[in-house]
Amino acid sequence: MNKEKLMKVFEECRNKRMGIRIELEMPNQEDLEIIINTYKSLNAKQSYYNKTYDNNLVHKKNDKIKIIDARPIQIKRESKRITLWE
């Protein structure tokens, strides 16, 4: 995945009115970190990722942090429970 593909995923999320799921490799973690943002946060998060990561999706201030995947995700909120579908 590169920045161009990530930006296309953000566009797909907007078109489908869905949230986004981002997978990152992080230092000192055995497993991936997964970040989920809602549809309402897409613009702010897209701007953040665009400024903070290079074209290969490596963090500009810590080259051990890298985005490796992103995809749209449905989020259903209920009282005291959040359900996610991929």
PDB file of N, CA and C in Angstrom:
ATOM      1  N   MET A   1       0.855  -1.176   0.000  1.00  0.00           N
ATOM      2  CA  MET A   1       0.000   0.000   0.000  1.00  0.00           C
ATOM      3  C   MET A   1       0.895   1.230   0.000  1.00  0.00           C
ATOM      4  N   ASN A   2       0.464   2.258  -0.715  1.00  0.00           N
ATOM      5  CA  ASN A   2       1.174   3.535  -0.723  1.00  0.00           C
ATOM      6  C   ASN A   2       0.157   4.653  -0.447  1.00  0.00           C
ATOM      7  N   LYS A   3       0.633   5.878  -0.393  1.00  0.00           N
ATOM      8  CA  LYS A   3      -0.250   6.988  -0.035  1.00  0.00           C
ATOM      9  C   LYS A   3      -1.379   7.170  -1.046  1.00  0.00           C
ATOM     10  N   GLU A   4      -1.087   6.985  -2.333  1.00  0.00           N
ATOM     11  CA  GLU A   4      -2.126   7.130  -3.351  1.00  0.00           C
ATOM     12  C   GLU A   4      -3.266   6.134  -3.115  1.00  0.00           C
ATOM     13  N   LYS A   5      -2.921   4.892  -2.804  1.00  0.00           N
ATOM     14  CA  LYS A   5      -3.949   3.880  -2.528  1.00  0.00           C
ATOM     15  C   LYS A   5      -4.716   4.205  -1.252  1.00  0.00           C
ATOM     16  N   LEU A   6      -4.015   4.698  -0.236  1.00  0.00           N
ATOM     17  CA  LEU A   6      -4.692   5.088   1.003  1.00  0.00           C
ATOM     18  C   LEU A   6      -5.707   6.195   0.742  1.00  0.00           C
ATOM     19  N   MET A   7      -5.338   7.180  -0.058  1.00  0.00           N
ATOM     20  CA  MET A   7      -6.263   8.276  -0.365  1.00  0.00           C
ATOM     21  C   MET A   7      -7.491   7.761  -1.132  1.00  0.00           C
ATOM     22  N   LYS A   8      -7.296   6.742  -1.964  1.00  0.00           N
ATOM     23  CA  LYS A   8      -8.429   6.134  -2.677  1.00  0.00           C
ATOM     24  C   LYS A   8      -9.354   5.408  -1.708  1.00  0.00           C
ATOM     25  N   VAL A   9      -8.795   4.788  -0.674  1.00  0.00           N
ATOM     26  CA  VAL A   9      -9.623   4.132   0.334  1.00  0.00           C
ATOM     27  C   VAL A   9     -10.446   5.180   1.086  1.00  0.00           C
ATOM     28  N   PHE A  10      -9.837   6.313   1.417  1.00  0.00           N
ATOM     29  CA  PHE A  10     -10.600   7.383   2.061  1.00  0.00           C
ATOM     30  C   PHE A  10     -11.764   7.825   1.173  1.00  0.00           C
ATOM     31  N   GLU A  11     -11.521   7.960  -0.125  1.00  0.00           N
ATOM     32  CA  GLU A  11     -12.582   8.355  -1.057  1.00  0.00           C
ATOM     33  C   GLU A  11     -13.683   7.299  -1.109  1.00  0.00           C
ATOM     34  N   GLU A  12     -13.276   6.036  -1.132  1.00  0.00           N
ATOM     35  CA  GLU A  12     -14.257   4.947  -1.130  1.00  0.00           C
ATOM     36  C   GLU A  12     -15.112   4.987   0.137  1.00  0.00           C
ATOM     37  N   CYS A  13     -14.480   5.242   1.269  1.00  0.00           N
ATOM     38  CA  CYS A  13     -15.209   5.350   2.538  1.00  0.00           C
ATOM     39  C   CYS A  13     -16.227   6.487   2.483  1.00  0.00           C
ATOM     40  N   ARG A  14     -15.821   7.621   1.944  1.00  0.00           N
ATOM     41  CA  ARG A  14     -16.752   8.752   1.820  1.00  0.00           C
ATOM     42  C   ARG A  14     -17.929   8.393   0.914  1.00  0.00           C
ATOM     43  N   ASN A  15     -17.631   7.760  -0.225  1.00  0.00           N
ATOM     44  CA  ASN A  15     -18.686   7.391  -1.173  1.00  0.00           C
ATOM     45  C   ASN A  15     -19.676   6.392  -0.570  1.00  0.00           C
ATOM     46  N   LYS A  16     -19.175   5.489   0.272  1.00  0.00           N
ATOM     47  CA  LYS A  16     -20.028   4.477   0.900  1.00  0.00           C
ATOM     48  C   LYS A  16     -20.577   4.923   2.252  1.00  0.00           C
ATOM     49  N   ARG A  17     -20.140   6.113   2.698  1.00  0.00           N
ATOM     50  CA  ARG A  17     -20.532   6.631   4.013  1.00  0.00           C
ATOM     51  C   ARG A  17     -20.179   5.641   5.127  1.00  0.00           C
ATOM     52  N   MET A  18     -18.929   5.155   5.056  1.00  0.00           N
ATOM     53  CA  MET A  18     -18.418   4.182   6.020  1.00  0.00           C
ATOM     54  C   MET A  18     -17.196   4.737   6.730  1.00  0.00           C
ATOM     55  N   GLY A  19     -16.838   4.108   7.834  1.00  0.00           N
ATOM     56  CA  GLY A  19     -15.612   4.439   8.532  1.00  0.00           C
ATOM     57  C   GLY A  19     -14.420   3.793   7.837  1.00  0.00           C
ATOM     58  N   ILE A  20     -13.239   3.987   8.439  1.00  0.00           N
ATOM     59  CA  ILE A  20     -12.013   3.413   7.866  1.00  0.00           C
ATOM     60  C   ILE A  20     -11.266   2.629   8.939  1.00  0.00           C
ATOM     61  N   ARG A  21     -10.661   1.535   8.507  1.00  0.00           N
ATOM     62  CA  ARG A  21      -9.836   0.680   9.372  1.00  0.00           C
ATOM     63  C   ARG A  21      -8.411   0.750   8.836  1.00  0.00           C
ATOM     64  N   ILE A  22      -7.479   1.156   9.687  1.00  0.00           N
ATOM     65  CA  ILE A  22      -6.072   1.310   9.321  1.00  0.00           C
ATOM     66  C   ILE A  22      -5.251   0.296  10.124  1.00  0.00           C
ATOM     67  N   GLU A  23      -4.365  -0.447   9.438  1.00  0.00           N
ATOM     68  CA  GLU A  23      -3.453  -1.370  10.111  1.00  0.00           C
ATOM     69  C   GLU A  23      -2.043  -0.811  10.040  1.00  0.00           C
ATOM     70  N   LEU A  24      -1.362  -0.802  11.179  1.00  0.00           N
ATOM     71  CA  LEU A  24      -0.004  -0.266  11.250  1.00  0.00           C
ATOM     72  C   LEU A  24       0.943  -1.269  11.883  1.00  0.00           C
ATOM     73  N   GLU A  25       2.178  -1.251  11.399  1.00  0.00           N
ATOM     74  CA  GLU A  25       3.274  -1.925  12.082  1.00  0.00           C
ATOM     75  C   GLU A  25       3.856  -0.911  13.060  1.00  0.00           C
ATOM     76  N   MET A  26       4.042  -1.344  14.293  1.00  0.00           N
ATOM     77  CA  MET A  26       4.545  -0.452  15.335  1.00  0.00           C
ATOM     78  C   MET A  26       5.771  -1.073  15.995  1.00  0.00           C
ATOM     79  N   PRO A  27       6.723  -0.246  16.429  1.00  0.00           N
ATOM     80  CA  PRO A  27       7.889  -0.800  17.126  1.00  0.00           C
ATOM     81  C   PRO A  27       7.478  -1.392  18.475  1.00  0.00           C
ATOM     82  N   ASN A  28       8.175  -2.442  18.862  1.00  0.00           N
ATOM     83  CA  ASN A  28       7.963  -3.087  20.160  1.00  0.00           C
ATOM     84  C   ASN A  28       6.579  -3.702  20.327  1.00  0.00           C
ATOM     85  N   GLN A  29       5.910  -4.007  19.227  1.00  0.00           N
ATOM     86  CA  GLN A  29       4.624  -4.690  19.282  1.00  0.00           C
ATOM     87  C   GLN A  29       4.712  -5.939  18.418  1.00  0.00           C
ATOM     88  N   GLU A  30       4.246  -7.055  18.953  1.00  0.00           N
ATOM     89  CA  GLU A  30       4.286  -8.301  18.195  1.00  0.00           C
ATOM     90  C   GLU A  30       3.197  -8.348  17.137  1.00  0.00           C
ATOM     91  N   ASP A  31       2.088  -7.716  17.393  1.00  0.00           N
ATOM     92  CA  ASP A  31       0.961  -7.757  16.477  1.00  0.00           C
ATOM     93  C   ASP A  31       0.711  -6.369  15.900  1.00  0.00           C
ATOM     94  N   LEU A  32      -0.099  -6.323  14.859  1.00  0.00           N
ATOM     95  CA  LEU A  32      -0.438  -5.047  14.231  1.00  0.00           C
ATOM     96  C   LEU A  32      -1.283  -4.180  15.152  1.00  0.00           C
ATOM     97  N   GLU A  33      -1.191  -2.893  14.961  1.00  0.00           N
ATOM     98  CA  GLU A  33      -2.106  -1.968  15.623  1.00  0.00           C
ATOM     99  C   GLU A  33      -3.215  -1.655  14.636  1.00  0.00           C
ATOM    100  N   ILE A  34      -4.447  -1.657  15.108  1.00  0.00           N
ATOM    101  CA  ILE A  34      -5.598  -1.376  14.261  1.00  0.00           C
ATOM    102  C   ILE A  34      -6.286  -0.126  14.786  1.00  0.00           C
ATOM    103  N   ILE A  35      -6.469   0.834  13.893  1.00  0.00           N
ATOM    104  CA  ILE A  35      -7.135   2.092  14.232  1.00  0.00           C
ATOM    105  C   ILE A  35      -8.415   2.170  13.418  1.00  0.00           C
ATOM    106  N   ILE A  36      -9.511   2.507  14.074  1.00  0.00           N
ATOM    107  CA  ILE A  36     -10.796   2.645  13.396  1.00  0.00           C
ATOM    108  C   ILE A  36     -11.295   4.066  13.615  1.00  0.00           C
ATOM    109  N   ASN A  37     -11.636   4.720  12.512  1.00  0.00           N
ATOM    110  CA  ASN A  37     -12.194   6.067  12.565  1.00  0.00           C
ATOM    111  C   ASN A  37     -13.557   6.078  11.894  1.00  0.00           C
ATOM    112  N   THR A  38     -14.462   6.855  12.437  1.00  0.00           N
ATOM    113  CA  THR A  38     -15.821   6.926  11.906  1.00  0.00           C
ATOM    114  C   THR A  38     -15.875   7.788  10.647  1.00  0.00           C
ATOM    115  N   TYR A  39     -16.981   7.688   9.961  1.00  0.00           N
ATOM    116  CA  TYR A  39     -17.233   8.466   8.749  1.00  0.00           C
ATOM    117  C   TYR A  39     -17.055   9.963   9.006  1.00  0.00           C
ATOM    118  N   LYS A  40     -17.537  10.438  10.142  1.00  0.00           N
ATOM    119  CA  LYS A  40     -17.467  11.874  10.456  1.00  0.00           C
ATOM    120  C   LYS A  40     -16.042  12.364  10.654  1.00  0.00           C
ATOM    121  N   SER A  41     -15.113  11.456  10.921  1.00  0.00           N
ATOM    122  CA  SER A  41     -13.712  11.837  11.162  1.00  0.00           C
ATOM    123  C   SER A  41     -12.831  11.723   9.921  1.00  0.00           C
ATOM    124  N   LEU A  42     -13.392  11.288   8.796  1.00  0.00           N
ATOM    125  CA  LEU A  42     -12.568  11.001   7.619  1.00  0.00           C
ATOM    126  C   LEU A  42     -11.731  12.181   7.152  1.00  0.00           C
ATOM    127  N   ASN A  43     -12.322  13.366   7.058  1.00  0.00           N
ATOM    128  CA  ASN A  43     -11.566  14.519   6.544  1.00  0.00           C
ATOM    129  C   ASN A  43     -10.369  14.853   7.427  1.00  0.00           C
ATOM    130  N   ALA A  44     -10.593  14.896   8.733  1.00  0.00           N
ATOM    131  CA  ALA A  44      -9.504  15.223   9.657  1.00  0.00           C
ATOM    132  C   ALA A  44      -8.413  14.153   9.622  1.00  0.00           C
ATOM    133  N   LYS A  45      -8.814  12.883   9.600  1.00  0.00           N
ATOM    134  CA  LYS A  45      -7.832  11.800   9.598  1.00  0.00           C
ATOM    135  C   LYS A  45      -7.077  11.719   8.273  1.00  0.00           C
ATOM    136  N   GLN A  46      -7.761  11.966   7.166  1.00  0.00           N
ATOM    137  CA  GLN A  46      -7.072  11.961   5.875  1.00  0.00           C
ATOM    138  C   GLN A  46      -6.008  13.051   5.848  1.00  0.00           C
ATOM    139  N   SER A  47      -6.343  14.206   6.337  1.00  0.00           N
ATOM    140  CA  SER A  47      -5.378  15.306   6.394  1.00  0.00           C
ATOM    141  C   SER A  47      -4.186  14.928   7.276  1.00  0.00           C
ATOM    142  N   TYR A  48      -4.464  14.321   8.433  1.00  0.00           N
ATOM    143  CA  TYR A  48      -3.403  13.901   9.346  1.00  0.00           C
ATOM    144  C   TYR A  48      -2.464  12.894   8.681  1.00  0.00           C
ATOM    145  N   TYR A  49      -3.025  11.841   8.085  1.00  0.00           N
ATOM    146  CA  TYR A  49      -2.185  10.821   7.448  1.00  0.00           C
ATOM    147  C   TYR A  49      -1.405  11.403   6.274  1.00  0.00           C
ATOM    148  N   ASN A  50      -2.016  12.299   5.546  1.00  0.00           N
ATOM    149  CA  ASN A  50      -1.344  12.917   4.403  1.00  0.00           C
ATOM    150  C   ASN A  50      -0.126  13.723   4.847  1.00  0.00           C
ATOM    151  N   LYS A  51      -0.227  14.418   5.973  1.00  0.00           N
ATOM    152  CA  LYS A  51       0.884  15.240   6.482  1.00  0.00           C
ATOM    153  C   LYS A  51       1.938  14.423   7.217  1.00  0.00           C
ATOM    154  N   THR A  52       1.519  13.345   7.884  1.00  0.00           N
ATOM    155  CA  THR A  52       2.381  12.638   8.820  1.00  0.00           C
ATOM    156  C   THR A  52       3.156  11.482   8.201  1.00  0.00           C
ATOM    157  N   TYR A  53       2.671  10.949   7.076  1.00  0.00           N
ATOM    158  CA  TYR A  53       3.290   9.779   6.458  1.00  0.00           C
ATOM    159  C   TYR A  53       3.813  10.123   5.070  1.00  0.00           C
ATOM    160  N   ASP A  54       4.938   9.490   4.685  1.00  0.00           N
ATOM    161  CA  ASP A  54       5.501   9.717   3.354  1.00  0.00           C
ATOM    162  C   ASP A  54       4.733   8.915   2.300  1.00  0.00           C
ATOM    163  N   ASN A  55       5.189   8.938   1.064  1.00  0.00           N
ATOM    164  CA  ASN A  55       4.476   8.252  -0.020  1.00  0.00           C
ATOM    165  C   ASN A  55       4.440   6.735   0.135  1.00  0.00           C
ATOM    166  N   ASN A  56       5.354   6.182   0.919  1.00  0.00           N
ATOM    167  CA  ASN A  56       5.363   4.741   1.199  1.00  0.00           C
ATOM    168  C   ASN A  56       4.649   4.406   2.500  1.00  0.00           C
ATOM    169  N   LEU A  57       3.996   5.410   3.076  1.00  0.00           N
ATOM    170  CA  LEU A  57       3.227   5.291   4.322  1.00  0.00           C
ATOM    171  C   LEU A  57       4.093   4.957   5.531  1.00  0.00           C
ATOM    172  N   VAL A  58       5.318   5.447   5.508  1.00  0.00           N
ATOM    173  CA  VAL A  58       6.207   5.369   6.664  1.00  0.00           C
ATOM    174  C   VAL A  58       6.094   6.701   7.401  1.00  0.00           C
ATOM    175  N   HIS A  59       5.955   6.627   8.727  1.00  0.00           N
ATOM    176  CA  HIS A  59       5.833   7.838   9.541  1.00  0.00           C
ATOM    177  C   HIS A  59       7.070   8.716   9.349  1.00  0.00           C
ATOM    178  N   LYS A  60       6.866   9.993   9.133  1.00  0.00           N
ATOM    179  CA  LYS A  60       7.987  10.902   8.832  1.00  0.00           C
ATOM    180  C   LYS A  60       8.928  11.126  10.010  1.00  0.00           C
ATOM    181  N   LYS A  61       8.445  10.921  11.242  1.00  0.00           N
ATOM    182  CA  LYS A  61       9.298  11.151  12.409  1.00  0.00           C
ATOM    183  C   LYS A  61       9.742   9.866  13.108  1.00  0.00           C
ATOM    184  N   ASN A  62       9.188   8.725  12.672  1.00  0.00           N
ATOM    185  CA  ASN A  62       9.598   7.444  13.237  1.00  0.00           C
ATOM    186  C   ASN A  62       9.463   6.388  12.146  1.00  0.00           C
ATOM    187  N   ASP A  63      10.565   6.027  11.529  1.00  0.00           N
ATOM    188  CA  ASP A  63      10.516   5.117  10.383  1.00  0.00           C
ATOM    189  C   ASP A  63      10.185   3.670  10.743  1.00  0.00           C
ATOM    190  N   LYS A  64       9.960   3.407  12.015  1.00  0.00           N
ATOM    191  CA  LYS A  64       9.536   2.080  12.437  1.00  0.00           C
ATOM    192  C   LYS A  64       8.007   1.947  12.450  1.00  0.00           C
ATOM    193  N   ILE A  65       7.305   3.045  12.215  1.00  0.00           N
ATOM    194  CA  ILE A  65       5.844   3.032  12.139  1.00  0.00           C
ATOM    195  C   ILE A  65       5.455   3.099  10.676  1.00  0.00           C
ATOM    196  N   LYS A  66       4.625   2.145  10.264  1.00  0.00           N
ATOM    197  CA  LYS A  66       4.231   2.084   8.851  1.00  0.00           C
ATOM    198  C   LYS A  66       2.794   1.603   8.720  1.00  0.00           C
ATOM    199  N   ILE A  67       2.030   2.279   7.861  1.00  0.00           N
ATOM    200  CA  ILE A  67       0.677   1.830   7.528  1.00  0.00           C
ATOM    201  C   ILE A  67       0.823   0.729   6.492  1.00  0.00           C
ATOM    202  N   ILE A  68       0.204  -0.415   6.750  1.00  0.00           N
ATOM    203  CA  ILE A  68       0.332  -1.525   5.808  1.00  0.00           C
ATOM    204  C   ILE A  68      -0.985  -1.879   5.117  1.00  0.00           C
ATOM    205  N   ASP A  69      -2.113  -1.430   5.672  1.00  0.00           N
ATOM    206  CA  ASP A  69      -3.396  -1.738   5.036  1.00  0.00           C
ATOM    207  C   ASP A  69      -4.446  -0.755   5.522  1.00  0.00           C
ATOM    208  N   ALA A  70      -5.457  -0.570   4.676  1.00  0.00           N
ATOM    209  CA  ALA A  70      -6.604   0.265   5.026  1.00  0.00           C
ATOM    210  C   ALA A  70      -7.796  -0.237   4.239  1.00  0.00           C
ATOM    211  N   ARG A  71      -8.973  -0.154   4.847  1.00  0.00           N
ATOM    212  CA  ARG A  71     -10.195  -0.570   4.152  1.00  0.00           C
ATOM    213  C   ARG A  71     -11.419   0.059   4.805  1.00  0.00           C
ATOM    214  N   PRO A  72     -12.502   0.157   4.055  1.00  0.00           N
ATOM    215  CA  PRO A  72     -13.744   0.669   4.637  1.00  0.00           C
ATOM    216  C   PRO A  72     -14.278  -0.313   5.688  1.00  0.00           C
ATOM    217  N   ILE A  73     -14.981   0.227   6.662  1.00  0.00           N
ATOM    218  CA  ILE A  73     -15.569  -0.614   7.702  1.00  0.00           C
ATOM    219  C   ILE A  73     -16.902  -0.008   8.139  1.00  0.00           C
ATOM    220  N   GLN A  74     -17.887  -0.867   8.345  1.00  0.00           N
ATOM    221  CA  GLN A  74     -19.171  -0.415   8.860  1.00  0.00           C
ATOM    222  C   GLN A  74     -19.118  -0.426  10.378  1.00  0.00           C
ATOM    223  N   ILE A  75     -19.698   0.578  10.973  1.00  0.00           N
ATOM    224  CA  ILE A  75     -19.713   0.688  12.426  1.00  0.00           C
ATOM    225  C   ILE A  75     -21.157   0.897  12.856  1.00  0.00           C
ATOM    226  N   LYS A  76     -21.635   0.041  13.751  1.00  0.00           N
ATOM    227  CA  LYS A  76     -22.984   0.190  14.291  1.00  0.00           C
ATOM    228  C   LYS A  76     -22.860   0.435  15.784  1.00  0.00           C
ATOM    229  N   ARG A  77     -23.398   1.549  16.229  1.00  0.00           N
ATOM    230  CA  ARG A  77     -23.321   1.893  17.646  1.00  0.00           C
ATOM    231  C   ARG A  77     -24.657   1.616  18.321  1.00  0.00           C
ATOM    232  N   GLU A  78     -24.579   0.947  19.442  1.00  0.00           N
ATOM    233  CA  GLU A  78     -25.733   0.725  20.298  1.00  0.00           C
ATOM    234  C   GLU A  78     -25.305   1.104  21.706  1.00  0.00           C
ATOM    235  N   SER A  79     -26.250   1.232  22.574  1.00  0.00           N
ATOM    236  CA  SER A  79     -25.928   1.573  23.946  1.00  0.00           C
ATOM    237  C   SER A  79     -24.936   0.561  24.519  1.00  0.00           C
ATOM    238  N   LYS A  80     -23.782   1.045  24.935  1.00  0.00           N
ATOM    239  CA  LYS A  80     -22.725   0.266  25.573  1.00  0.00           C
ATOM    240  C   LYS A  80     -22.133  -0.825  24.682  1.00  0.00           C
ATOM    241  N   ARG A  81     -22.348  -0.745  23.351  1.00  0.00           N
ATOM    242  CA  ARG A  81     -21.780  -1.751  22.480  1.00  0.00           C
ATOM    243  C   ARG A  81     -21.538  -1.168  21.085  1.00  0.00           C
ATOM    244  N   ILE A  82     -20.408  -1.512  20.503  1.00  0.00           N
ATOM    245  CA  ILE A  82     -20.099  -1.116  19.131  1.00  0.00           C
ATOM    246  C   ILE A  82     -19.840  -2.402  18.336  1.00  0.00           C
ATOM    247  N   THR A  83     -20.487  -2.531  17.194  1.00  0.00           N
ATOM    248  CA  THR A  83     -20.315  -3.699  16.335  1.00  0.00           C
ATOM    249  C   THR A  83     -19.641  -3.262  15.051  1.00  0.00           C
ATOM    250  N   LEU A  84     -18.657  -4.034  14.590  1.00  0.00           N
ATOM    251  CA  LEU A  84     -17.913  -3.721  13.369  1.00  0.00           C
ATOM    252  C   LEU A  84     -18.092  -4.844  12.375  1.00  0.00           C
ATOM    253  N   TRP A  85     -18.244  -4.473  11.085  1.00  0.00           N
ATOM    254  CA  TRP A  85     -18.318  -5.440   9.998  1.00  0.00           C
ATOM    255  C   TRP A  85     -17.257  -5.111   8.982  1.00  0.00           C
ATOM    256  N   GLU A  86     -16.604  -6.134   8.471  1.00  0.00           N
ATOM    257  CA  GLU A  86     -15.624  -5.943   7.409  1.00  0.00           C
ATOM    258  C   GLU A  86     -16.125  -6.612   6.163  1.00  0.00           C
TER     259      GLU A  86
END
